[in-house]
PDB file of N, CA and C in Angstrom:
ATOM      1  N   MET A   1      93.008 120.400  48.929  1.00  0.00           N
ATOM      2  CA  MET A   1      92.405 121.570  48.418  1.00  0.00           C
ATOM      3  C   MET A   1      91.567 120.893  47.238  1.00  0.00           C
ATOM      4  N   GLU A   2      90.426 121.237  47.168  1.00  0.00           N
ATOM      5  CA  GLU A   2      89.557 120.768  45.925  1.00  0.00           C
ATOM      6  C   GLU A   2      89.284 121.779  44.881  1.00  0.00           C
ATOM      7  N   VAL A   3      89.613 121.425  43.681  1.00  0.00           N
ATOM      8  CA  VAL A   3      89.266 122.529  42.635  1.00  0.00           C
ATOM      9  C   VAL A   3      87.909 122.406  42.271  1.00  0.00           C
ATOM     10  N   SER A   4      87.143 123.497  41.956  1.00  0.00           N
ATOM     11  CA  SER A   4      85.617 123.626  41.569  1.00  0.00           C
ATOM     12  C   SER A   4      85.538 122.957  40.236  1.00  0.00           C
ATOM     13  N   HIS A   5      84.539 122.347  39.965  1.00  0.00           N
ATOM     14  CA  HIS A   5      84.075 121.660  38.755  1.00  0.00           C
ATOM     15  C   HIS A   5      83.953 122.633  37.578  1.00  0.00           C
ATOM     16  N   THR A   6      83.396 123.936  38.011  1.00  0.00           N
ATOM     17  CA  THR A   6      83.430 124.889  37.025  1.00  0.00           C
ATOM     18  C   THR A   6      84.693 125.303  36.546  1.00  0.00           C
ATOM     19  N   ILE A   7      85.582 125.544  37.383  1.00  0.00           N
ATOM     20  CA  ILE A   7      87.028 125.944  36.927  1.00  0.00           C
ATOM     21  C   ILE A   7      87.514 124.885  36.096  1.00  0.00           C
ATOM     22  N   ILE A   8      87.318 123.595  36.267  1.00  0.00           N
ATOM     23  CA  ILE A   8      87.936 122.346  35.491  1.00  0.00           C
ATOM     24  C   ILE A   8      87.225 122.541  34.041  1.00  0.00           C
ATOM     25  N   ASN A   9      85.798 122.652  34.159  1.00  0.00           N
ATOM     26  CA  ASN A   9      85.181 122.781  32.777  1.00  0.00           C
ATOM     27  C   ASN A   9      85.606 123.993  31.941  1.00  0.00           C
ATOM     28  N   LEU A  10      85.741 125.200  32.689  1.00  0.00           N
ATOM     29  CA  LEU A  10      86.258 126.273  31.946  1.00  0.00           C
ATOM     30  C   LEU A  10      87.721 126.142  31.309  1.00  0.00           C
ATOM     31  N   ILE A  11      88.634 125.426  31.991  1.00  0.00           N
ATOM     32  CA  ILE A  11      89.863 125.054  31.460  1.00  0.00           C
ATOM     33  C   ILE A  11      89.850 124.248  30.232  1.00  0.00           C
ATOM     34  N   ILE A  12      88.841 123.169  30.320  1.00  0.00           N
ATOM     35  CA  ILE A  12      88.681 122.176  29.244  1.00  0.00           C
ATOM     36  C   ILE A  12      88.151 122.982  28.081  1.00  0.00           C
ATOM     37  N   PHE A  13      87.303 123.941  28.324  1.00  0.00           N
ATOM     38  CA  PHE A  13      86.528 124.673  27.260  1.00  0.00           C
ATOM     39  C   PHE A  13      87.557 125.497  26.633  1.00  0.00           C
ATOM     40  N   VAL A  14      88.392 126.334  27.392  1.00  0.00           N
ATOM     41  CA  VAL A  14      89.514 127.196  26.703  1.00  0.00           C
ATOM     42  C   VAL A  14      90.481 126.334  25.934  1.00  0.00           C
ATOM     43  N   LEU A  15      90.912 125.243  26.501  1.00  0.00           N
ATOM     44  CA  LEU A  15      91.785 124.239  25.604  1.00  0.00           C
ATOM     45  C   LEU A  15      91.179 123.786  24.449  1.00  0.00           C
ATOM     46  N   ALA A  16      89.924 123.409  24.465  1.00  0.00           N
ATOM     47  CA  ALA A  16      89.226 122.957  23.355  1.00  0.00           C
ATOM     48  C   ALA A  16      89.145 124.003  22.231  1.00  0.00           C
ATOM     49  N   ILE A  17      88.996 125.291  22.753  1.00  0.00           N
ATOM     50  CA  ILE A  17      88.956 126.427  21.656  1.00  0.00           C
ATOM     51  C   ILE A  17      90.380 126.526  21.141  1.00  0.00           C
ATOM     52  N   TYR A  18      91.352 126.368  21.870  1.00  0.00           N
ATOM     53  CA  TYR A  18      92.763 126.557  21.469  1.00  0.00           C
ATOM     54  C   TYR A  18      93.171 125.607  20.420  1.00  0.00           C
ATOM     55  N   VAL A  19      92.870 124.309  20.830  1.00  0.00           N
ATOM     56  CA  VAL A  19      93.284 123.308  19.925  1.00  0.00           C
ATOM     57  C   VAL A  19      92.373 123.336  18.635  1.00  0.00           C
ATOM     58  N   GLY A  20      91.084 123.395  18.689  1.00  0.00           N
ATOM     59  CA  GLY A  20      90.116 123.519  17.621  1.00  0.00           C
ATOM     60  C   GLY A  20      90.667 124.756  16.671  1.00  0.00           C
ATOM     61  N   TYR A  21      90.966 125.856  17.268  1.00  0.00           N
ATOM     62  CA  TYR A  21      91.487 126.961  16.301  1.00  0.00           C
ATOM     63  C   TYR A  21      92.768 126.376  15.418  1.00  0.00           C
ATOM     64  N   HIS A  22      93.810 125.767  16.256  1.00  0.00           N
ATOM     65  CA  HIS A  22      94.931 125.557  15.609  1.00  0.00           C
ATOM     66  C   HIS A  22      94.642 124.307  14.506  1.00  0.00           C
ATOM     67  N   VAL A  23      93.805 123.407  14.794  1.00  0.00           N
ATOM     68  CA  VAL A  23      93.569 122.188  13.943  1.00  0.00           C
ATOM     69  C   VAL A  23      92.930 122.813  12.696  1.00  0.00           C
ATOM     70  N   VAL A  24      91.933 123.563  12.750  1.00  0.00           N
ATOM     71  CA  VAL A  24      91.160 124.127  11.483  1.00  0.00           C
ATOM     72  C   VAL A  24      91.958 124.944  10.803  1.00  0.00           C
ATOM     73  N   TRP A  25      92.765 125.858  11.317  1.00  0.00           N
ATOM     74  CA  TRP A  25      93.619 126.633  10.375  1.00  0.00           C
ATOM     75  C   TRP A  25      94.818 126.110   9.923  1.00  0.00           C
ATOM     76  N   THR A  26      95.032 124.911  10.158  1.00  0.00           N
ATOM     77  CA  THR A  26      96.320 124.158   9.554  1.00  0.00           C
ATOM     78  C   THR A  26      95.742 123.208   8.496  1.00  0.00           C
ATOM     79  N   VAL A  27      94.453 123.104   8.325  1.00  0.00           N
ATOM     80  CA  VAL A  27      93.923 122.198   7.300  1.00  0.00           C
ATOM     81  C   VAL A  27      94.278 122.757   5.821  1.00  0.00           C
ATOM     82  N   THR A  28      94.637 121.865   4.972  1.00  0.00           N
ATOM     83  CA  THR A  28      94.842 122.376   3.623  1.00  0.00           C
ATOM     84  C   THR A  28      93.393 122.629   2.933  1.00  0.00           C
ATOM     85  N   PRO A  29      93.404 123.564   1.904  1.00  0.00           N
ATOM     86  CA  PRO A  29      92.206 123.770   1.347  1.00  0.00           C
ATOM     87  C   PRO A  29      91.391 122.622   0.729  1.00  0.00           C
ATOM     88  N   ALA A  30      92.093 121.593   0.273  1.00  0.00           N
ATOM     89  CA  ALA A  30      91.544 120.310  -0.373  1.00  0.00           C
ATOM     90  C   ALA A  30      90.510 119.733   0.773  1.00  0.00           C
ATOM     91  N   LEU A  31      90.859 119.709   1.941  1.00  0.00           N
ATOM     92  CA  LEU A  31      90.335 119.047   2.993  1.00  0.00           C
ATOM     93  C   LEU A  31      89.116 119.695   3.706  1.00  0.00           C
ATOM     94  N   HIS A  32      88.928 121.063   3.260  1.00  0.00           N
ATOM     95  CA  HIS A  32      87.936 122.002   3.944  1.00  0.00           C
ATOM     96  C   HIS A  32      86.563 121.219   3.816  1.00  0.00           C
ATOM     97  N   THR A  33      86.176 120.787   2.615  1.00  0.00           N
ATOM     98  CA  THR A  33      84.838 120.036   2.548  1.00  0.00           C
ATOM     99  C   THR A  33      84.575 118.876   3.453  1.00  0.00           C
ATOM    100  N   PRO A  34      85.610 117.836   3.584  1.00  0.00           N
ATOM    101  CA  PRO A  34      85.189 116.863   4.455  1.00  0.00           C
ATOM    102  C   PRO A  34      85.367 117.289   5.955  1.00  0.00           C
ATOM    103  N   LEU A  35      86.072 118.303   6.141  1.00  0.00           N
ATOM    104  CA  LEU A  35      86.131 118.859   7.514  1.00  0.00           C
ATOM    105  C   LEU A  35      84.763 119.579   7.943  1.00  0.00           C
ATOM    106  N   MET A  36      84.069 120.226   6.976  1.00  0.00           N
ATOM    107  CA  MET A  36      82.713 120.782   7.155  1.00  0.00           C
ATOM    108  C   MET A  36      81.778 119.674   7.422  1.00  0.00           C
ATOM    109  N   ALA A  37      81.944 118.556   6.630  1.00  0.00           N
ATOM    110  CA  ALA A  37      80.980 117.501   6.847  1.00  0.00           C
ATOM    111  C   ALA A  37      80.933 116.853   8.205  1.00  0.00           C
ATOM    112  N   VAL A  38      82.113 116.818   8.774  1.00  0.00           N
ATOM    113  CA  VAL A  38      82.431 116.161  10.061  1.00  0.00           C
ATOM    114  C   VAL A  38      81.857 117.211  11.018  1.00  0.00           C
ATOM    115  N   THR A  39      82.073 118.467  10.860  1.00  0.00           N
ATOM    116  CA  THR A  39      81.571 119.454  11.933  1.00  0.00           C
ATOM    117  C   THR A  39      80.011 119.552  11.813  1.00  0.00           C
ATOM    118  N   ASN A  40      79.474 119.263  10.720  1.00  0.00           N
ATOM    119  CA  ASN A  40      78.077 119.251  10.644  1.00  0.00           C
ATOM    120  C   ASN A  40      77.404 117.965  11.487  1.00  0.00           C
ATOM    121  N   ALA A  41      78.118 116.837  11.305  1.00  0.00           N
ATOM    122  CA  ALA A  41      77.840 115.716  12.135  1.00  0.00           C
ATOM    123  C   ALA A  41      77.859 116.016  13.584  1.00  0.00           C
ATOM    124  N   ILE A  42      78.907 116.714  14.141  1.00  0.00           N
ATOM    125  CA  ILE A  42      79.154 116.907  15.443  1.00  0.00           C
ATOM    126  C   ILE A  42      78.116 117.924  15.866  1.00  0.00           C
ATOM    127  N   SER A  43      77.701 118.921  15.098  1.00  0.00           N
ATOM    128  CA  SER A  43      76.682 119.831  15.379  1.00  0.00           C
ATOM    129  C   SER A  43      75.315 119.062  15.572  1.00  0.00           C
ATOM    130  N   ALA A  44      75.046 118.036  14.901  1.00  0.00           N
ATOM    131  CA  ALA A  44      73.989 117.451  14.946  1.00  0.00           C
ATOM    132  C   ALA A  44      73.855 116.611  16.233  1.00  0.00           C
ATOM    133  N   ILE A  45      74.854 116.114  16.648  1.00  0.00           N
ATOM    134  CA  ILE A  45      75.028 115.448  17.974  1.00  0.00           C
ATOM    135  C   ILE A  45      74.811 116.357  19.111  1.00  0.00           C
ATOM    136  N   ILE A  46      75.327 117.611  18.883  1.00  0.00           N
ATOM    137  CA  ILE A  46      75.151 118.798  19.971  1.00  0.00           C
ATOM    138  C   ILE A  46      73.558 119.017  19.978  1.00  0.00           C
ATOM    139  N   ILE A  47      73.005 118.958  18.808  1.00  0.00           N
ATOM    140  CA  ILE A  47      71.595 119.261  18.915  1.00  0.00           C
ATOM    141  C   ILE A  47      70.791 118.367  19.719  1.00  0.00           C
ATOM    142  N   VAL A  48      71.134 117.030  19.621  1.00  0.00           N
ATOM    143  CA  VAL A  48      70.657 116.069  20.588  1.00  0.00           C
ATOM    144  C   VAL A  48      70.788 116.354  21.937  1.00  0.00           C
ATOM    145  N   GLY A  49      72.019 116.549  22.345  1.00  0.00           N
ATOM    146  CA  GLY A  49      72.423 116.760  23.699  1.00  0.00           C
ATOM    147  C   GLY A  49      71.770 118.042  24.272  1.00  0.00           C
ATOM    148  N   ALA A  50      71.545 119.070  23.454  1.00  0.00           N
ATOM    149  CA  ALA A  50      70.971 120.353  23.762  1.00  0.00           C
ATOM    150  C   ALA A  50      69.380 120.089  24.086  1.00  0.00           C
ATOM    151  N   MET A  51      68.778 119.125  23.146  1.00  0.00           N
ATOM    152  CA  MET A  51      67.370 118.847  23.222  1.00  0.00           C
ATOM    153  C   MET A  51      67.058 118.020  24.706  1.00  0.00           C
ATOM    154  N   LEU A  52      68.049 117.208  25.109  1.00  0.00           N
ATOM    155  CA  LEU A  52      68.106 116.504  26.305  1.00  0.00           C
ATOM    156  C   LEU A  52      68.221 117.517  27.417  1.00  0.00           C
ATOM    157  N   ALA A  53      69.019 118.401  27.253  1.00  0.00           N
ATOM    158  CA  ALA A  53      69.339 119.425  28.474  1.00  0.00           C
ATOM    159  C   ALA A  53      68.176 120.257  28.528  1.00  0.00           C
ATOM    160  N   ALA A  54      67.538 120.757  27.416  1.00  0.00           N
ATOM    161  CA  ALA A  54      66.248 121.557  27.566  1.00  0.00           C
ATOM    162  C   ALA A  54      64.977 120.838  28.084  1.00  0.00           C
ATOM    163  N   GLY A  55      64.870 119.478  27.733  1.00  0.00           N
ATOM    164  CA  GLY A  55      63.840 118.821  28.037  1.00  0.00           C
ATOM    165  C   GLY A  55      63.790 118.041  29.579  1.00  0.00           C
ATOM    166  N   LEU A  56      65.131 117.762  29.886  1.00  0.00           N
ATOM    167  CA  LEU A  56      65.160 117.063  31.204  1.00  0.00           C
ATOM    168  C   LEU A  56      65.469 117.914  32.356  1.00  0.00           C
ATOM    169  N   THR A  57      65.626 119.314  32.095  1.00  0.00           N
ATOM    170  CA  THR A  57      66.069 120.036  33.430  1.00  0.00           C
ATOM    171  C   THR A  57      64.617 120.576  33.919  1.00  0.00           C
ATOM    172  N   THR A  58      64.726 120.839  35.122  1.00  0.00           N
ATOM    173  CA  THR A  58      63.427 121.245  35.836  1.00  0.00           C
ATOM    174  C   THR A  58      63.551 122.747  36.140  1.00  0.00           C
ATOM    175  N   GLY A  59      64.772 123.554  36.013  1.00  0.00           N
ATOM    176  CA  GLY A  59      64.809 124.798  36.191  1.00  0.00           C
ATOM    177  C   GLY A  59      64.511 125.584  34.889  1.00  0.00           C
ATOM    178  N   ILE A  60      64.131 126.745  34.959  1.00  0.00           N
ATOM    179  CA  ILE A  60      63.851 127.596  33.838  1.00  0.00           C
ATOM    180  C   ILE A  60      65.140 127.964  33.059  1.00  0.00           C
ATOM    181  N   VAL A  61      66.066 128.163  33.852  1.00  0.00           N
ATOM    182  CA  VAL A  61      67.441 128.510  33.245  1.00  0.00           C
ATOM    183  C   VAL A  61      68.023 127.483  32.439  1.00  0.00           C
ATOM    184  N   GLY A  62      67.928 126.280  32.868  1.00  0.00           N
ATOM    185  CA  GLY A  62      68.493 125.085  32.122  1.00  0.00           C
ATOM    186  C   GLY A  62      67.557 124.896  30.852  1.00  0.00           C
ATOM    187  N   GLN A  63      66.361 125.269  30.969  1.00  0.00           N
ATOM    188  CA  GLN A  63      65.394 125.065  29.792  1.00  0.00           C
ATOM    189  C   GLN A  63      65.816 126.064  28.847  1.00  0.00           C
ATOM    190  N   VAL A  64      65.868 127.246  29.158  1.00  0.00           N
ATOM    191  CA  VAL A  64      66.289 128.508  28.304  1.00  0.00           C
ATOM    192  C   VAL A  64      67.622 128.230  27.540  1.00  0.00           C
ATOM    193  N   ALA A  65      68.517 127.899  28.404  1.00  0.00           N
ATOM    194  CA  ALA A  65      69.914 127.543  27.833  1.00  0.00           C
ATOM    195  C   ALA A  65      70.020 126.372  26.892  1.00  0.00           C
ATOM    196  N   GLY A  66      69.181 125.366  27.110  1.00  0.00           N
ATOM    197  CA  GLY A  66      69.006 124.222  26.146  1.00  0.00           C
ATOM    198  C   GLY A  66      68.310 124.612  24.923  1.00  0.00           C
ATOM    199  N   THR A  67      67.308 125.628  25.001  1.00  0.00           N
ATOM    200  CA  THR A  67      66.602 125.935  23.934  1.00  0.00           C
ATOM    201  C   THR A  67      67.516 126.728  22.964  1.00  0.00           C
ATOM    202  N   VAL A  68      68.150 127.615  23.562  1.00  0.00           N
ATOM    203  CA  VAL A  68      69.132 128.439  22.833  1.00  0.00           C
ATOM    204  C   VAL A  68      70.079 127.668  22.224  1.00  0.00           C
ATOM    205  N   ALA A  69      70.679 126.596  22.939  1.00  0.00           N
ATOM    206  CA  ALA A  69      71.830 125.836  22.355  1.00  0.00           C
ATOM    207  C   ALA A  69      71.130 125.008  21.149  1.00  0.00           C
ATOM    208  N   VAL A  70      69.944 124.502  21.231  1.00  0.00           N
ATOM    209  CA  VAL A  70      69.311 123.919  20.074  1.00  0.00           C
ATOM    210  C   VAL A  70      69.263 124.838  18.876  1.00  0.00           C
ATOM    211  N   ALA A  71      68.877 126.104  19.019  1.00  0.00           N
ATOM    212  CA  ALA A  71      68.762 126.966  18.056  1.00  0.00           C
ATOM    213  C   ALA A  71      70.086 127.434  17.462  1.00  0.00           C
ATOM    214  N   LEU A  72      71.066 127.608  18.199  1.00  0.00           N
ATOM    215  CA  LEU A  72      72.483 127.855  17.640  1.00  0.00           C
ATOM    216  C   LEU A  72      72.946 126.702  16.923  1.00  0.00           C
ATOM    217  N   ALA A  73      72.909 125.458  17.427  1.00  0.00           N
ATOM    218  CA  ALA A  73      73.455 124.549  16.837  1.00  0.00           C
ATOM    219  C   ALA A  73      72.705 124.226  15.417  1.00  0.00           C
ATOM    220  N   ALA A  74      71.414 124.425  15.385  1.00  0.00           N
ATOM    221  CA  ALA A  74      70.649 124.206  14.145  1.00  0.00           C
ATOM    222  C   ALA A  74      71.127 125.250  13.103  1.00  0.00           C
ATOM    223  N   VAL A  75      71.314 126.484  13.533  1.00  0.00           N
ATOM    224  CA  VAL A  75      71.975 127.506  12.601  1.00  0.00           C
ATOM    225  C   VAL A  75      73.278 126.984  12.151  1.00  0.00           C
ATOM    226  N   ASN A  76      74.003 126.459  12.914  1.00  0.00           N
ATOM    227  CA  ASN A  76      75.356 125.872  12.554  1.00  0.00           C
ATOM    228  C   ASN A  76      75.277 124.704  11.620  1.00  0.00           C
ATOM    229  N   VAL A  77      74.418 123.988  11.773  1.00  0.00           N
ATOM    230  CA  VAL A  77      74.199 122.777  10.893  1.00  0.00           C
ATOM    231  C   VAL A  77      73.729 123.182   9.484  1.00  0.00           C
ATOM    232  N   PHE A  78      72.750 123.954   9.460  1.00  0.00           N
ATOM    233  CA  PHE A  78      72.179 124.440   8.221  1.00  0.00           C
ATOM    234  C   PHE A  78      73.299 125.486   7.412  1.00  0.00           C
ATOM    235  N   GLY A  79      73.851 126.256   8.234  1.00  0.00           N
ATOM    236  CA  GLY A  79      74.870 127.155   7.565  1.00  0.00           C
ATOM    237  C   GLY A  79      76.134 126.223   7.048  1.00  0.00           C
ATOM    238  N   GLY A  80      76.544 125.208   7.850  1.00  0.00           N
ATOM    239  CA  GLY A  80      77.499 124.414   7.313  1.00  0.00           C
ATOM    240  C   GLY A  80      77.201 123.653   6.120  1.00  0.00           C
ATOM    241  N   PHE A  81      75.862 123.181   6.032  1.00  0.00           N
ATOM    242  CA  PHE A  81      75.456 122.540   4.723  1.00  0.00           C
ATOM    243  C   PHE A  81      75.527 123.495   3.603  1.00  0.00           C
ATOM    244  N   MET A  82      75.162 124.718   3.822  1.00  0.00           N
ATOM    245  CA  MET A  82      75.218 125.727   2.803  1.00  0.00           C
ATOM    246  C   MET A  82      76.480 125.967   2.268  1.00  0.00           C
ATOM    247  N   VAL A  83      77.459 126.165   3.262  1.00  0.00           N
ATOM    248  CA  VAL A  83      78.880 126.503   2.964  1.00  0.00           C
ATOM    249  C   VAL A  83      79.507 125.203   2.265  1.00  0.00           C
ATOM    250  N   THR A  84      79.144 123.894   2.636  1.00  0.00           N
ATOM    251  CA  THR A  84      79.643 122.758   1.913  1.00  0.00           C
ATOM    252  C   THR A  84      79.067 122.699   0.552  1.00  0.00           C
ATOM    253  N   GLN A  85      77.718 123.026   0.370  1.00  0.00           N
ATOM    254  CA  GLN A  85      77.189 123.100  -0.955  1.00  0.00           C
ATOM    255  C   GLN A  85      78.036 123.986  -1.986  1.00  0.00           C
ATOM    256  N   ARG A  86      78.313 125.170  -1.441  1.00  0.00           N
ATOM    257  CA  ARG A  86      79.097 126.058  -2.236  1.00  0.00           C
ATOM    258  C   ARG A  86      80.416 125.782  -2.418  1.00  0.00           C
ATOM    259  N   MET A  87      81.109 125.015  -1.524  1.00  0.00           N
ATOM    260  CA  MET A  87      82.453 124.555  -1.871  1.00  0.00           C
ATOM    261  C   MET A  87      82.473 123.400  -2.923  1.00  0.00           C
ATOM    262  N   LEU A  88      81.446 122.558  -2.834  1.00  0.00           N
ATOM    263  CA  LEU A  88      81.326 121.518  -3.769  1.00  0.00           C
ATOM    264  C   LEU A  88      81.012 122.074  -5.254  1.00  0.00           C
ATOM    265  N   GLU A  89      80.329 123.139  -5.225  1.00  0.00           N
ATOM    266  CA  GLU A  89      80.015 123.721  -6.609  1.00  0.00           C
ATOM    267  C   GLU A  89      81.205 124.216  -7.142  1.00  0.00           C
ATOM    268  N   MET A  90      82.136 124.690  -6.390  1.00  0.00           N
ATOM    269  CA  MET A  90      83.590 125.269  -7.018  1.00  0.00           C
ATOM    270  C   MET A  90      84.240 124.061  -7.580  1.00  0.00           C
ATOM    271  N   PHE A  91      84.036 122.776  -7.300  1.00  0.00           N
ATOM    272  CA  PHE A  91      84.757 121.739  -7.886  1.00  0.00           C
ATOM    273  C   PHE A  91      84.094 120.959  -9.101  1.00  0.00           C
ATOM    274  N   ARG A  92      82.868 121.350  -9.283  1.00  0.00           N
ATOM    275  CA  ARG A  92      82.112 120.966 -10.321  1.00  0.00           C
ATOM    276  C   ARG A  92      82.522 121.490 -11.842  1.00  0.00           C
ATOM    277  N   LYS A  93      82.663 120.621 -12.808  1.00  0.00           N
ATOM    278  CA  LYS A  93      82.981 121.111 -14.170  1.00  0.00           C
ATOM    279  C   LYS A  93      81.861 121.958 -14.732  1.00  0.00           C
ATOM    280  N   LYS A  94      82.392 122.997 -15.204  1.00  0.00           N
ATOM    281  CA  LYS A  94      81.468 123.951 -15.756  1.00  0.00           C
ATOM    282  C   LYS A  94      80.961 123.402 -17.188  1.00  0.00           C
ATOM    283  N   GLU A  95      79.846 123.548 -17.564  1.00  0.00           N
ATOM    284  CA  GLU A  95      79.284 123.045 -18.795  1.00  0.00           C
ATOM    285  C   GLU A  95      79.647 124.085 -19.803  1.00  0.00           C
ATOM    286  N   PRO A  96      80.062 123.785 -21.060  1.00  0.00           N
ATOM    287  CA  PRO A  96      80.294 124.769 -22.100  1.00  0.00           C
ATOM    288  C   PRO A  96      79.176 125.577 -22.403  1.00  0.00           C
ATOM    289  N   LYS A  97      79.447 126.744 -22.658  1.00  0.00           N
ATOM    290  CA  LYS A  97      78.222 127.601 -23.178  1.00  0.00           C
ATOM    291  C   LYS A  97      77.836 127.156 -24.505  1.00  0.00           C
ATOM    292  N   ALA A  98      76.594 127.153 -24.633  1.00  0.00           N
ATOM    293  CA  ALA A  98      76.055 126.857 -25.975  1.00  0.00           C
ATOM    294  C   ALA A  98      76.277 127.985 -26.920  1.00  0.00           C
ATOM    295  N   ALA A  99      76.328 127.645 -28.191  1.00  0.00           N
ATOM    296  CA  ALA A  99      76.677 128.709 -29.299  1.00  0.00           C
ATOM    297  C   ALA A  99      75.484 129.537 -29.362  1.00  0.00           C
ATOM    298  N   PRO A 100      75.683 130.807 -29.618  1.00  0.00           N
ATOM    299  CA  PRO A 100      74.588 131.621 -29.734  1.00  0.00           C
ATOM    300  C   PRO A 100      73.605 131.309 -30.834  1.00  0.00           C
ATOM    301  N   ALA A 101      72.329 131.320 -30.600  1.00  0.00           N
ATOM    302  CA  ALA A 101      71.518 131.105 -31.616  1.00  0.00           C
ATOM    303  C   ALA A 101      71.454 131.952 -32.702  1.00  0.00           C
ATOM    304  N   ALA A 102      71.333 131.544 -34.081  1.00  0.00           N
ATOM    305  CA  ALA A 102      71.262 132.428 -35.180  1.00  0.00           C
ATOM    306  C   ALA A 102      70.162 133.262 -35.119  1.00  0.00           C
ATOM    307  N   LYS A 103      70.273 134.589 -35.684  1.00  0.00           N
ATOM    308  CA  LYS A 103      69.094 135.564 -35.612  1.00  0.00           C
ATOM    309  C   LYS A 103      68.207 134.949 -36.658  1.00  0.00           C
ATOM    310  N   ALA A 104      66.903 135.394 -36.399  1.00  0.00           N
ATOM    311  CA  ALA A 104      65.783 134.976 -37.259  1.00  0.00           C
ATOM    312  C   ALA A 104      65.888 135.396 -38.701  1.00  0.00           C
ATOM    313  N   GLY A 105      66.461 136.526 -38.874  1.00  0.00           N
ATOM    314  CA  GLY A 105      66.653 137.077 -40.181  1.00  0.00           C
ATOM    315  C   GLY A 105      67.672 136.641 -40.927  1.00  0.00           C
ATOM    316  N   ASP A 106      68.696 135.945 -40.438  1.00  0.00           N
ATOM    317  CA  ASP A 106      69.775 135.424 -41.001  1.00  0.00           C
ATOM    318  C   ASP A 106      69.582 134.146 -41.581  1.00  0.00           C
ATOM    319  N   HIS A 107      69.833 133.895 -42.876  1.00  0.00           N
ATOM    320  CA  HIS A 107      69.823 132.730 -43.573  1.00  0.00           C
ATOM    321  C   HIS A 107      71.112 132.608 -44.348  1.00  0.00           C
ATOM    322  N   ALA A 108      71.740 131.401 -44.256  1.00  0.00           N
ATOM    323  CA  ALA A 108      73.059 131.180 -44.957  1.00  0.00           C
ATOM    324  C   ALA A 108      72.937 130.549 -46.210  1.00  0.00           C
TER     325      ALA A 108
END
């Protein structure tokens, strides 16, 4: 008995979701920024694969699916960079506030 390739791919997909969920939720907060950087790199690789899928397929369904994959991966990359930037802002030292300027009419 031979198992369908679609079923095997679906099982791998579900296992990847399960493992990814548990890996991401057990990361300590200090490592979230490096993790986001890695996921941005992975999404960039996905964009390349999606562009190949969209450009090399002959059927309209494959081209549409590849185009949608490029768009979703691009949103993921740009969103990831925005989140990473916000996380890095949290670790920057805040500059002390300048002393309020003296009023024009005040002379000491």
